[in-house]
PDB file of N, CA and C in Angstrom:
ATOM      1  N   UNK A   1      34.862 -24.288 -22.814  1.00  0.00           N
ATOM      2  CA  UNK A   1      35.441 -23.047 -22.322  1.00  0.00           C
ATOM      3  C   UNK A   1      35.060 -21.937 -23.295  1.00  0.00           C
ATOM      4  N   UNK A   2      34.593 -20.836 -22.747  1.00  0.00           N
ATOM      5  CA  UNK A   2      34.223 -19.671 -23.544  1.00  0.00           C
ATOM      6  C   UNK A   2      35.092 -18.504 -23.135  1.00  0.00           C
ATOM      7  N   UNK A   3      35.282 -17.572 -24.050  1.00  0.00           N
ATOM      8  CA  UNK A   3      36.141 -16.434 -23.744  1.00  0.00           C
ATOM      9  C   UNK A   3      35.595 -15.164 -24.369  1.00  0.00           C
ATOM     10  N   UNK A   4      36.057 -14.041 -23.835  1.00  0.00           N
ATOM     11  CA  UNK A   4      35.725 -12.731 -24.380  1.00  0.00           C
ATOM     12  C   UNK A   4      36.991 -11.891 -24.330  1.00  0.00           C
ATOM     13  N   UNK A   5      37.202 -11.098 -25.371  1.00  0.00           N
ATOM     14  CA  UNK A   5      38.420 -10.305 -25.501  1.00  0.00           C
ATOM     15  C   UNK A   5      38.047  -8.868 -25.827  1.00  0.00           C
ATOM     16  N   UNK A   6      38.602  -7.940 -25.083  1.00  0.00           N
ATOM     17  CA  UNK A   6      38.414  -6.516 -25.336  1.00  0.00           C
ATOM     18  C   UNK A   6      39.784  -5.917 -25.572  1.00  0.00           C
ATOM     19  N   UNK A   7      39.979  -5.298 -26.739  1.00  0.00           N
ATOM     20  CA  UNK A   7      41.300  -4.812 -27.104  1.00  0.00           C
ATOM     21  C   UNK A   7      41.317  -3.290 -27.172  1.00  0.00           C
ATOM     22  N   UNK A   8      42.483  -2.735 -26.959  1.00  0.00           N
ATOM     23  CA  UNK A   8      42.766  -1.303 -27.111  1.00  0.00           C
ATOM     24  C   UNK A   8      41.895  -0.434 -26.201  1.00  0.00           C
ATOM     25  N   UNK A   9      41.670  -0.888 -24.969  1.00  0.00           N
ATOM     26  CA  UNK A   9      40.858  -0.110 -24.034  1.00  0.00           C
ATOM     27  C   UNK A   9      41.770   0.834 -23.261  1.00  0.00           C
ATOM     28  N   UNK A  10      41.322   2.063 -23.065  1.00  0.00           N
ATOM     29  CA  UNK A  10      42.143   3.101 -22.447  1.00  0.00           C
ATOM     30  C   UNK A  10      42.082   3.012 -20.930  1.00  0.00           C
ATOM     31  N   UNK A  11      42.806   2.042 -20.400  1.00  0.00           N
ATOM     32  CA  UNK A  11      42.921   1.872 -18.955  1.00  0.00           C
ATOM     33  C   UNK A  11      44.321   1.341 -18.701  1.00  0.00           C
ATOM     34  N   UNK A  12      44.871   1.672 -17.561  1.00  0.00           N
ATOM     35  CA  UNK A  12      46.227   1.245 -17.244  1.00  0.00           C
ATOM     36  C   UNK A  12      46.265  -0.261 -17.001  1.00  0.00           C
ATOM     37  N   UNK A  13      47.134  -1.001 -17.713  1.00  0.00           N
ATOM     38  CA  UNK A  13      47.191  -2.447 -17.491  1.00  0.00           C
ATOM     39  C   UNK A  13      47.689  -2.817 -16.105  1.00  0.00           C
ATOM     40  N   UNK A  14      48.548  -2.018 -15.525  1.00  0.00           N
ATOM     41  CA  UNK A  14      49.081  -2.323 -14.190  1.00  0.00           C
ATOM     42  C   UNK A  14      47.964  -2.256 -13.152  1.00  0.00           C
ATOM     43  N   UNK A  15      47.137  -1.221 -13.232  1.00  0.00           N
ATOM     44  CA  UNK A  15      46.027  -1.088 -12.295  1.00  0.00           C
ATOM     45  C   UNK A  15      44.940  -2.133 -12.569  1.00  0.00           C
ATOM     46  N   UNK A  16      44.776  -2.506 -13.830  1.00  0.00           N
ATOM     47  CA  UNK A  16      43.750  -3.487 -14.184  1.00  0.00           C
ATOM     48  C   UNK A  16      44.113  -4.875 -13.692  1.00  0.00           C
ATOM     49  N   UNK A  17      45.403  -5.202 -13.669  1.00  0.00           N
ATOM     50  CA  UNK A  17      45.824  -6.529 -13.220  1.00  0.00           C
ATOM     51  C   UNK A  17      45.487  -6.762 -11.757  1.00  0.00           C
ATOM     52  N   UNK A  18      45.483  -5.712 -10.950  1.00  0.00           N
ATOM     53  CA  UNK A  18      45.117  -5.852  -9.542  1.00  0.00           C
ATOM     54  C   UNK A  18      43.687  -6.356  -9.404  1.00  0.00           C
ATOM     55  N   UNK A  19      42.802  -5.853 -10.249  1.00  0.00           N
ATOM     56  CA  UNK A  19      41.404  -6.282 -10.214  1.00  0.00           C
ATOM     57  C   UNK A  19      41.271  -7.680 -10.817  1.00  0.00           C
ATOM     58  N   UNK A  20      42.011  -7.946 -11.893  1.00  0.00           N
ATOM     59  CA  UNK A  20      41.900  -9.230 -12.587  1.00  0.00           C
ATOM     60  C   UNK A  20      42.352 -10.388 -11.695  1.00  0.00           C
ATOM     61  N   UNK A  21      43.368 -10.172 -10.886  1.00  0.00           N
ATOM     62  CA  UNK A  21      43.859 -11.232 -10.003  1.00  0.00           C
ATOM     63  C   UNK A  21      42.844 -11.597  -8.933  1.00  0.00           C
ATOM     64  N   UNK A  22      41.996 -10.642  -8.565  1.00  0.00           N
ATOM     65  CA  UNK A  22      41.015 -10.883  -7.516  1.00  0.00           C
ATOM     66  C   UNK A  22      39.948 -11.900  -7.937  1.00  0.00           C
ATOM     67  N   UNK A  23      39.600 -11.922  -9.232  1.00  0.00           N
ATOM     68  CA  UNK A  23      38.458 -12.745  -9.651  1.00  0.00           C
ATOM     69  C   UNK A  23      38.871 -14.086 -10.247  1.00  0.00           C
ATOM     70  N   UNK A  24      40.154 -14.345 -10.432  1.00  0.00           N
ATOM     71  CA  UNK A  24      40.577 -15.619 -10.997  1.00  0.00           C
ATOM     72  C   UNK A  24      40.202 -16.762 -10.067  1.00  0.00           C
ATOM     73  N   UNK A  25      39.590 -17.790 -10.641  1.00  0.00           N
ATOM     74  CA  UNK A  25      39.196 -18.957  -9.862  1.00  0.00           C
ATOM     75  C   UNK A  25      37.873 -18.814  -9.139  1.00  0.00           C
ATOM     76  N   UNK A  26      37.270 -17.636  -9.196  1.00  0.00           N
ATOM     77  CA  UNK A  26      35.996 -17.425  -8.510  1.00  0.00           C
ATOM     78  C   UNK A  26      34.838 -17.945  -9.344  1.00  0.00           C
ATOM     79  N   UNK A  27      33.730 -18.199  -8.682  1.00  0.00           N
ATOM     80  CA  UNK A  27      32.476 -18.461  -9.370  1.00  0.00           C
ATOM     81  C   UNK A  27      32.106 -17.183 -10.127  1.00  0.00           C
ATOM     82  N   UNK A  28      31.590 -17.313 -11.344  1.00  0.00           N
ATOM     83  CA  UNK A  28      31.311 -16.139 -12.181  1.00  0.00           C
ATOM     84  C   UNK A  28      30.266 -15.229 -11.547  1.00  0.00           C
ATOM     85  N   UNK A  29      29.281 -15.816 -10.873  1.00  0.00           N
ATOM     86  CA  UNK A  29      28.246 -14.996 -10.230  1.00  0.00           C
ATOM     87  C   UNK A  29      28.842 -14.169  -9.090  1.00  0.00           C
ATOM     88  N   UNK A  30      29.716 -14.781  -8.288  1.00  0.00           N
ATOM     89  CA  UNK A  30      30.370 -14.054  -7.199  1.00  0.00           C
ATOM     90  C   UNK A  30      31.323 -12.997  -7.745  1.00  0.00           C
ATOM     91  N   UNK A  31      32.008 -13.313  -8.843  1.00  0.00           N
ATOM     92  CA  UNK A  31      32.942 -12.361  -9.443  1.00  0.00           C
ATOM     93  C   UNK A  31      32.197 -11.138  -9.979  1.00  0.00           C
ATOM     94  N   UNK A  32      31.053 -11.360 -10.617  1.00  0.00           N
ATOM     95  CA  UNK A  32      30.257 -10.229 -11.116  1.00  0.00           C
ATOM     96  C   UNK A  32      29.775  -9.354  -9.966  1.00  0.00           C
ATOM     97  N   UNK A  33      29.363  -9.978  -8.865  1.00  0.00           N
ATOM     98  CA  UNK A  33      28.902  -9.213  -7.701  1.00  0.00           C
ATOM     99  C   UNK A  33      30.058  -8.430  -7.078  1.00  0.00           C
ATOM    100  N   UNK A  34      31.239  -9.039  -7.023  1.00  0.00           N
ATOM    101  CA  UNK A  34      32.389  -8.344  -6.445  1.00  0.00           C
ATOM    102  C   UNK A  34      32.821  -7.173  -7.322  1.00  0.00           C
ATOM    103  N   UNK A  35      32.796  -7.368  -8.640  1.00  0.00           N
ATOM    104  CA  UNK A  35      33.217  -6.301  -9.557  1.00  0.00           C
ATOM    105  C   UNK A  35      32.217  -5.148  -9.569  1.00  0.00           C
ATOM    106  N   UNK A  36      30.948  -5.464  -9.355  1.00  0.00           N
ATOM    107  CA  UNK A  36      29.919  -4.417  -9.399  1.00  0.00           C
ATOM    108  C   UNK A  36      30.125  -3.373  -8.310  1.00  0.00           C
ATOM    109  N   UNK A  37      30.673  -3.796  -7.159  1.00  0.00           N
ATOM    110  CA  UNK A  37      30.837  -2.879  -6.040  1.00  0.00           C
ATOM    111  C   UNK A  37      32.290  -2.476  -5.811  1.00  0.00           C
ATOM    112  N   UNK A  38      33.163  -2.736  -6.774  1.00  0.00           N
ATOM    113  CA  UNK A  38      34.552  -2.306  -6.681  1.00  0.00           C
ATOM    114  C   UNK A  38      34.668  -0.916  -7.304  1.00  0.00           C
ATOM    115  N   UNK A  39      35.109   0.089  -6.542  1.00  0.00           N
ATOM    116  CA  UNK A  39      35.148   1.460  -7.061  1.00  0.00           C
ATOM    117  C   UNK A  39      36.407   1.720  -7.890  1.00  0.00           C
ATOM    118  N   UNK A  40      36.428   1.170  -9.094  1.00  0.00           N
ATOM    119  CA  UNK A  40      37.615   1.241  -9.913  1.00  0.00           C
ATOM    120  C   UNK A  40      37.173   1.276 -11.377  1.00  0.00           C
ATOM    121  N   UNK A  41      37.839   2.062 -12.209  1.00  0.00           N
ATOM    122  CA  UNK A  41      37.493   2.131 -13.623  1.00  0.00           C
ATOM    123  C   UNK A  41      37.676   0.777 -14.290  1.00  0.00           C
ATOM    124  N   UNK A  42      38.752   0.089 -13.936  1.00  0.00           N
ATOM    125  CA  UNK A  42      39.037  -1.207 -14.541  1.00  0.00           C
ATOM    126  C   UNK A  42      37.989  -2.244 -14.154  1.00  0.00           C
ATOM    127  N   UNK A  43      37.431  -2.148 -12.947  1.00  0.00           N
ATOM    128  CA  UNK A  43      36.435  -3.118 -12.495  1.00  0.00           C
ATOM    129  C   UNK A  43      35.177  -3.050 -13.353  1.00  0.00           C
ATOM    130  N   UNK A  44      34.769  -1.865 -13.743  1.00  0.00           N
ATOM    131  CA  UNK A  44      33.583  -1.720 -14.582  1.00  0.00           C
ATOM    132  C   UNK A  44      33.815  -2.329 -15.962  1.00  0.00           C
ATOM    133  N   UNK A  45      35.024  -2.163 -16.482  1.00  0.00           N
ATOM    134  CA  UNK A  45      35.350  -2.703 -17.799  1.00  0.00           C
ATOM    135  C   UNK A  45      35.437  -4.226 -17.741  1.00  0.00           C
ATOM    136  N   UNK A  46      36.111  -4.771 -16.721  1.00  0.00           N
ATOM    137  CA  UNK A  46      36.251  -6.217 -16.586  1.00  0.00           C
ATOM    138  C   UNK A  46      34.891  -6.860 -16.324  1.00  0.00           C
ATOM    139  N   UNK A  47      33.997  -6.157 -15.626  1.00  0.00           N
ATOM    140  CA  UNK A  47      32.641  -6.649 -15.402  1.00  0.00           C
ATOM    141  C   UNK A  47      31.948  -6.919 -16.739  1.00  0.00           C
ATOM    142  N   UNK A  48      32.051  -5.974 -17.672  1.00  0.00           N
ATOM    143  CA  UNK A  48      31.398  -6.133 -18.972  1.00  0.00           C
ATOM    144  C   UNK A  48      32.014  -7.270 -19.778  1.00  0.00           C
ATOM    145  N   UNK A  49      33.340  -7.417 -19.701  1.00  0.00           N
ATOM    146  CA  UNK A  49      34.004  -8.493 -20.433  1.00  0.00           C
ATOM    147  C   UNK A  49      33.621  -9.844 -19.842  1.00  0.00           C
ATOM    148  N   UNK A  50      33.553  -9.932 -18.519  1.00  0.00           N
ATOM    149  CA  UNK A  50      33.156 -11.178 -17.864  1.00  0.00           C
ATOM    150  C   UNK A  50      31.711 -11.539 -18.201  1.00  0.00           C
ATOM    151  N   UNK A  51      30.837 -10.549 -18.205  1.00  0.00           N
ATOM    152  CA  UNK A  51      29.440 -10.797 -18.562  1.00  0.00           C
ATOM    153  C   UNK A  51      29.335 -11.293 -20.003  1.00  0.00           C
ATOM    154  N   UNK A  52      30.168 -10.772 -20.884  1.00  0.00           N
ATOM    155  CA  UNK A  52      30.190 -11.218 -22.278  1.00  0.00           C
ATOM    156  C   UNK A  52      30.697 -12.650 -22.388  1.00  0.00           C
ATOM    157  N   UNK A  53      31.714 -13.001 -21.602  1.00  0.00           N
ATOM    158  CA  UNK A  53      32.251 -14.361 -21.639  1.00  0.00           C
ATOM    159  C   UNK A  53      31.214 -15.360 -21.134  1.00  0.00           C
ATOM    160  N   UNK A  54      30.462 -14.987 -20.104  1.00  0.00           N
ATOM    161  CA  UNK A  54      29.407 -15.866 -19.586  1.00  0.00           C
ATOM    162  C   UNK A  54      28.317 -16.038 -20.639  1.00  0.00           C
ATOM    163  N   UNK A  55      27.964 -14.965 -21.318  1.00  0.00           N
ATOM    164  CA  UNK A  55      26.953 -15.047 -22.374  1.00  0.00           C
ATOM    165  C   UNK A  55      27.447 -15.908 -23.538  1.00  0.00           C
ATOM    166  N   UNK A  56      28.731 -15.819 -23.854  1.00  0.00           N
ATOM    167  CA  UNK A  56      29.297 -16.633 -24.936  1.00  0.00           C
ATOM    168  C   UNK A  56      29.303 -18.117 -24.588  1.00  0.00           C
ATOM    169  N   UNK A  57      29.370 -18.437 -23.307  1.00  0.00           N
ATOM    170  CA  UNK A  57      29.410 -19.837 -22.898  1.00  0.00           C
ATOM    171  C   UNK A  57      28.053 -20.516 -23.046  1.00  0.00           C
ATOM    172  N   UNK A  58      26.997 -19.740 -22.999  1.00  0.00           N
ATOM    173  CA  UNK A  58      25.659 -20.313 -23.088  1.00  0.00           C
ATOM    174  C   UNK A  58      25.164 -20.895 -21.779  1.00  0.00           C
ATOM    175  N   UNK A  59      25.917 -20.710 -20.710  1.00  0.00           N
ATOM    176  CA  UNK A  59      25.531 -21.210 -19.392  1.00  0.00           C
ATOM    177  C   UNK A  59      25.086 -20.050 -18.513  1.00  0.00           C
ATOM    178  N   UNK A  60      24.520 -20.399 -17.374  1.00  0.00           N
ATOM    179  CA  UNK A  60      24.173 -19.383 -16.384  1.00  0.00           C
ATOM    180  C   UNK A  60      25.420 -19.005 -15.601  1.00  0.00           C
ATOM    181  N   UNK A  61      25.401 -17.815 -14.983  1.00  0.00           N
ATOM    182  CA  UNK A  61      26.578 -17.313 -14.257  1.00  0.00           C
ATOM    183  C   UNK A  61      26.920 -18.193 -13.055  1.00  0.00           C
ATOM    184  N   UNK A  62      25.915 -18.789 -12.411  1.00  0.00           N
ATOM    185  CA  UNK A  62      26.209 -19.608 -11.237  1.00  0.00           C
ATOM    186  C   UNK A  62      26.840 -20.953 -11.613  1.00  0.00           C
ATOM    187  N   UNK A  63      26.777 -21.327 -12.904  1.00  0.00           N
ATOM    188  CA  UNK A  63      27.357 -22.591 -13.362  1.00  0.00           C
ATOM    189  C   UNK A  63      28.751 -22.429 -13.950  1.00  0.00           C
ATOM    190  N   UNK A  64      29.286 -21.224 -13.953  1.00  0.00           N
ATOM    191  CA  UNK A  64      30.586 -20.947 -14.575  1.00  0.00           C
ATOM    192  C   UNK A  64      31.629 -20.595 -13.525  1.00  0.00           C
ATOM    193  N   UNK A  65      32.874 -20.858 -13.868  1.00  0.00           N
ATOM    194  CA  UNK A  65      34.023 -20.488 -13.048  1.00  0.00           C
ATOM    195  C   UNK A  65      34.983 -19.685 -13.928  1.00  0.00           C
ATOM    196  N   UNK A  66      35.540 -18.609 -13.387  1.00  0.00           N
ATOM    197  CA  UNK A  66      36.505 -17.804 -14.127  1.00  0.00           C
ATOM    198  C   UNK A  66      37.832 -18.560 -14.114  1.00  0.00           C
ATOM    199  N   UNK A  67      38.167 -19.173 -15.247  1.00  0.00           N
ATOM    200  CA  UNK A  67      39.402 -19.964 -15.305  1.00  0.00           C
ATOM    201  C   UNK A  67      40.615 -19.071 -15.532  1.00  0.00           C
ATOM    202  N   UNK A  68      40.444 -17.972 -16.267  1.00  0.00           N
ATOM    203  CA  UNK A  68      41.570 -17.085 -16.546  1.00  0.00           C
ATOM    204  C   UNK A  68      41.060 -15.671 -16.775  1.00  0.00           C
ATOM    205  N   UNK A  69      41.756 -14.725 -16.215  1.00  0.00           N
ATOM    206  CA  UNK A  69      41.478 -13.305 -16.469  1.00  0.00           C
ATOM    207  C   UNK A  69      42.835 -12.638 -16.655  1.00  0.00           C
ATOM    208  N   UNK A  70      43.124 -12.258 -17.880  1.00  0.00           N
ATOM    209  CA  UNK A  70      44.455 -11.773 -18.222  1.00  0.00           C
ATOM    210  C   UNK A  70      44.366 -10.358 -18.779  1.00  0.00           C
ATOM    211  N   UNK A  71      45.301  -9.512 -18.363  1.00  0.00           N
ATOM    212  CA  UNK A  71      45.383  -8.140 -18.871  1.00  0.00           C
ATOM    213  C   UNK A  71      46.767  -7.962 -19.469  1.00  0.00           C
ATOM    214  N   UNK A  72      46.808  -7.712 -20.770  1.00  0.00           N
ATOM    215  CA  UNK A  72      48.067  -7.523 -21.483  1.00  0.00           C
ATOM    216  C   UNK A  72      48.244  -6.063 -21.852  1.00  0.00           C
ATOM    217  N   UNK A  73      49.488  -5.672 -22.070  1.00  0.00           N
ATOM    218  CA  UNK A  73      49.782  -4.309 -22.504  1.00  0.00           C
ATOM    219  C   UNK A  73      49.342  -4.117 -23.952  1.00  0.00           C
ATOM    220  N   UNK A  74      48.762  -2.951 -24.213  1.00  0.00           N
ATOM    221  CA  UNK A  74      48.457  -2.558 -25.576  1.00  0.00           C
ATOM    222  C   UNK A  74      49.423  -1.459 -25.984  1.00  0.00           C
ATOM    223  N   UNK A  75      49.199  -0.854 -27.128  1.00  0.00           N
ATOM    224  CA  UNK A  75      50.065   0.246 -27.539  1.00  0.00           C
ATOM    225  C   UNK A  75      49.883   1.461 -26.629  1.00  0.00           C
ATOM    226  N   UNK A  76      50.920   2.269 -26.513  1.00  0.00           N
ATOM    227  CA  UNK A  76      50.893   3.451 -25.652  1.00  0.00           C
ATOM    228  C   UNK A  76      50.715   4.687 -26.518  1.00  0.00           C
ATOM    229  N   UNK A  77      49.700   5.487 -26.200  1.00  0.00           N
ATOM    230  CA  UNK A  77      49.505   6.760 -26.893  1.00  0.00           C
ATOM    231  C   UNK A  77      50.455   7.773 -26.282  1.00  0.00           C
ATOM    232  N   UNK A  78      51.264   8.405 -27.106  1.00  0.00           N
ATOM    233  CA  UNK A  78      52.253   9.354 -26.608  1.00  0.00           C
ATOM    234  C   UNK A  78      51.793  10.769 -26.916  1.00  0.00           C
ATOM    235  N   UNK A  79      51.715  11.582 -25.880  1.00  0.00           N
ATOM    236  CA  UNK A  79      51.285  12.971 -26.007  1.00  0.00           C
ATOM    237  C   UNK A  79      52.345  13.861 -25.366  1.00  0.00           C
ATOM    238  N   UNK A  80      52.254  15.167 -25.613  1.00  0.00           N
ATOM    239  CA  UNK A  80      53.212  16.107 -25.044  1.00  0.00           C
ATOM    240  C   UNK A  80      52.491  17.220 -24.320  1.00  0.00           C
ATOM    241  N   UNK A  81      53.105  17.691 -23.231  1.00  0.00           N
ATOM    242  CA  UNK A  81      52.594  18.816 -22.470  1.00  0.00           C
ATOM    243  C   UNK A  81      53.626  19.930 -22.531  1.00  0.00           C
ATOM    244  N   UNK A  82      53.217  21.122 -22.933  1.00  0.00           N
ATOM    245  CA  UNK A  82      54.176  22.226 -22.957  1.00  0.00           C
ATOM    246  C   UNK A  82      54.641  22.593 -21.553  1.00  0.00           C
ATOM    247  N   UNK A  83      55.933  22.899 -21.435  1.00  0.00           N
ATOM    248  CA  UNK A  83      56.518  23.253 -20.150  1.00  0.00           C
ATOM    249  C   UNK A  83      57.228  24.592 -20.284  1.00  0.00           C
ATOM    250  N   UNK A  84      57.888  24.970 -19.228  1.00  0.00           N
ATOM    251  CA  UNK A  84      58.539  26.279 -19.183  1.00  0.00           C
ATOM    252  C   UNK A  84      59.700  26.355 -20.181  1.00  0.00           C
ATOM    253  N   UNK A  85      59.986  27.551 -20.637  1.00  0.00           N
ATOM    254  CA  UNK A  85      61.131  27.861 -21.495  1.00  0.00           C
ATOM    255  C   UNK A  85      61.086  27.100 -22.815  1.00  0.00           C
ATOM    256  N   UNK A  86      59.885  26.915 -23.355  1.00  0.00           N
ATOM    257  CA  UNK A  86      59.744  26.309 -24.670  1.00  0.00           C
ATOM    258  C   UNK A  86      59.996  24.819 -24.729  1.00  0.00           C
ATOM    259  N   UNK A  87      60.075  24.177 -23.594  1.00  0.00           N
ATOM    260  CA  UNK A  87      60.312  22.740 -23.594  1.00  0.00           C
ATOM    261  C   UNK A  87      58.978  21.987 -23.576  1.00  0.00           C
ATOM    262  N   UNK A  88      59.073  20.683 -23.668  1.00  0.00           N
ATOM    263  CA  UNK A  88      57.885  19.836 -23.586  1.00  0.00           C
ATOM    264  C   UNK A  88      58.258  18.583 -22.804  1.00  0.00           C
ATOM    265  N   UNK A  89      57.296  18.052 -22.083  1.00  0.00           N
ATOM    266  CA  UNK A  89      57.507  16.784 -21.401  1.00  0.00           C
ATOM    267  C   UNK A  89      56.466  15.803 -21.907  1.00  0.00           C
ATOM    268  N   UNK A  90      56.806  14.531 -21.875  1.00  0.00           N
ATOM    269  CA  UNK A  90      55.937  13.514 -22.448  1.00  0.00           C
ATOM    270  C   UNK A  90      54.855  13.050 -21.498  1.00  0.00           C
ATOM    271  N   UNK A  91      53.761  12.632 -22.063  1.00  0.00           N
ATOM    272  CA  UNK A  91      52.665  12.008 -21.338  1.00  0.00           C
ATOM    273  C   UNK A  91      52.417  10.670 -22.014  1.00  0.00           C
ATOM    274  N   UNK A  92      52.384   9.603 -21.222  1.00  0.00           N
ATOM    275  CA  UNK A  92      52.115   8.268 -21.758  1.00  0.00           C
ATOM    276  C   UNK A  92      50.698   7.868 -21.367  1.00  0.00           C
ATOM    277  N   UNK A  93      49.885   7.539 -22.357  1.00  0.00           N
ATOM    278  CA  UNK A  93      48.514   7.094 -22.110  1.00  0.00           C
ATOM    279  C   UNK A  93      48.426   5.626 -22.505  1.00  0.00           C
ATOM    280  N   UNK A  94      48.535   4.725 -21.530  1.00  0.00           N
ATOM    281  CA  UNK A  94      48.584   3.303 -21.854  1.00  0.00           C
ATOM    282  C   UNK A  94      47.217   2.735 -22.236  1.00  0.00           C
ATOM    283  N   UNK A  95      47.249   1.674 -23.027  1.00  0.00           N
ATOM    284  CA  UNK A  95      46.050   0.924 -23.363  1.00  0.00           C
ATOM    285  C   UNK A  95      46.261  -0.531 -22.947  1.00  0.00           C
ATOM    286  N   UNK A  96      45.176  -1.288 -22.910  1.00  0.00           N
ATOM    287  CA  UNK A  96      45.251  -2.672 -22.438  1.00  0.00           C
ATOM    288  C   UNK A  96      44.366  -3.567 -23.296  1.00  0.00           C
ATOM    289  N   UNK A  97      44.716  -4.853 -23.307  1.00  0.00           N
ATOM    290  CA  UNK A  97      43.895  -5.901 -23.903  1.00  0.00           C
ATOM    291  C   UNK A  97      43.455  -6.816 -22.753  1.00  0.00           C
ATOM    292  N   UNK A  98      42.144  -6.997 -22.606  1.00  0.00           N
ATOM    293  CA  UNK A  98      41.608  -7.787 -21.492  1.00  0.00           C
ATOM    294  C   UNK A  98      40.985  -9.071 -22.047  1.00  0.00           C
ATOM    295  N   UNK A  99      41.419 -10.224 -21.531  1.00  0.00           N
ATOM    296  CA  UNK A  99      40.926 -11.526 -21.947  1.00  0.00           C
ATOM    297  C   UNK A  99      40.368 -12.253 -20.728  1.00  0.00           C
ATOM    298  N   UNK A 100      39.113 -12.683 -20.819  1.00  0.00           N
ATOM    299  CA  UNK A 100      38.475 -13.429 -19.730  1.00  0.00           C
ATOM    300  C   UNK A 100      37.996 -14.755 -20.291  1.00  0.00           C
ATOM    301  N   UNK A 101      38.358 -15.853 -19.618  1.00  0.00           N
ATOM    302  CA  UNK A 101      37.934 -17.191 -20.009  1.00  0.00           C
ATOM    303  C   UNK A 101      37.122 -17.808 -18.878  1.00  0.00           C
ATOM    304  N   UNK A 102      35.993 -18.391 -19.212  1.00  0.00           N
ATOM    305  CA  UNK A 102      35.159 -19.081 -18.227  1.00  0.00           C
ATOM    306  C   UNK A 102      34.931 -20.503 -18.693  1.00  0.00           C
ATOM    307  N   UNK A 103      34.725 -21.397 -17.742  1.00  0.00           N
ATOM    308  CA  UNK A 103      34.389 -22.783 -18.074  1.00  0.00           C
ATOM    309  C   UNK A 103      33.331 -23.273 -17.106  1.00  0.00           C
ATOM    310  N   UNK A 104      32.576 -24.265 -17.527  1.00  0.00           N
ATOM    311  CA  UNK A 104      31.527 -24.829 -16.684  1.00  0.00           C
ATOM    312  C   UNK A 104      32.100 -25.613 -15.528  1.00  0.00           C
ATOM    313  N   UNK A 105      31.301 -25.760 -14.487  1.00  0.00           N
ATOM    314  CA  UNK A 105      31.750 -26.505 -13.305  1.00  0.00           C
ATOM    315  C   UNK A 105      31.920 -27.973 -13.614  1.00  0.00           C
TER     316      UNK A 105
END
């Protein structure tokens, strides 16, 4: 089993989990093809992590299966936006840790 981990990436973990659930259990070659045509910021990032995990395994993409694709919460960057009457409201910029594990058939 080979894995790849990308930490502190500026993408929403909630939105990323929707993409990650789609590729779990898929053949790695099919998962890469599906991610390539998914119009989502998280899909492009998960594509690169999956490609790295396949490269770490030393096998070809058609011989691998995505055993696990997990997206965990990272630290949240907190920013402020000025509002009316001298007040401020908060802006939360979430980060995520993406872990992809592949294993041979």
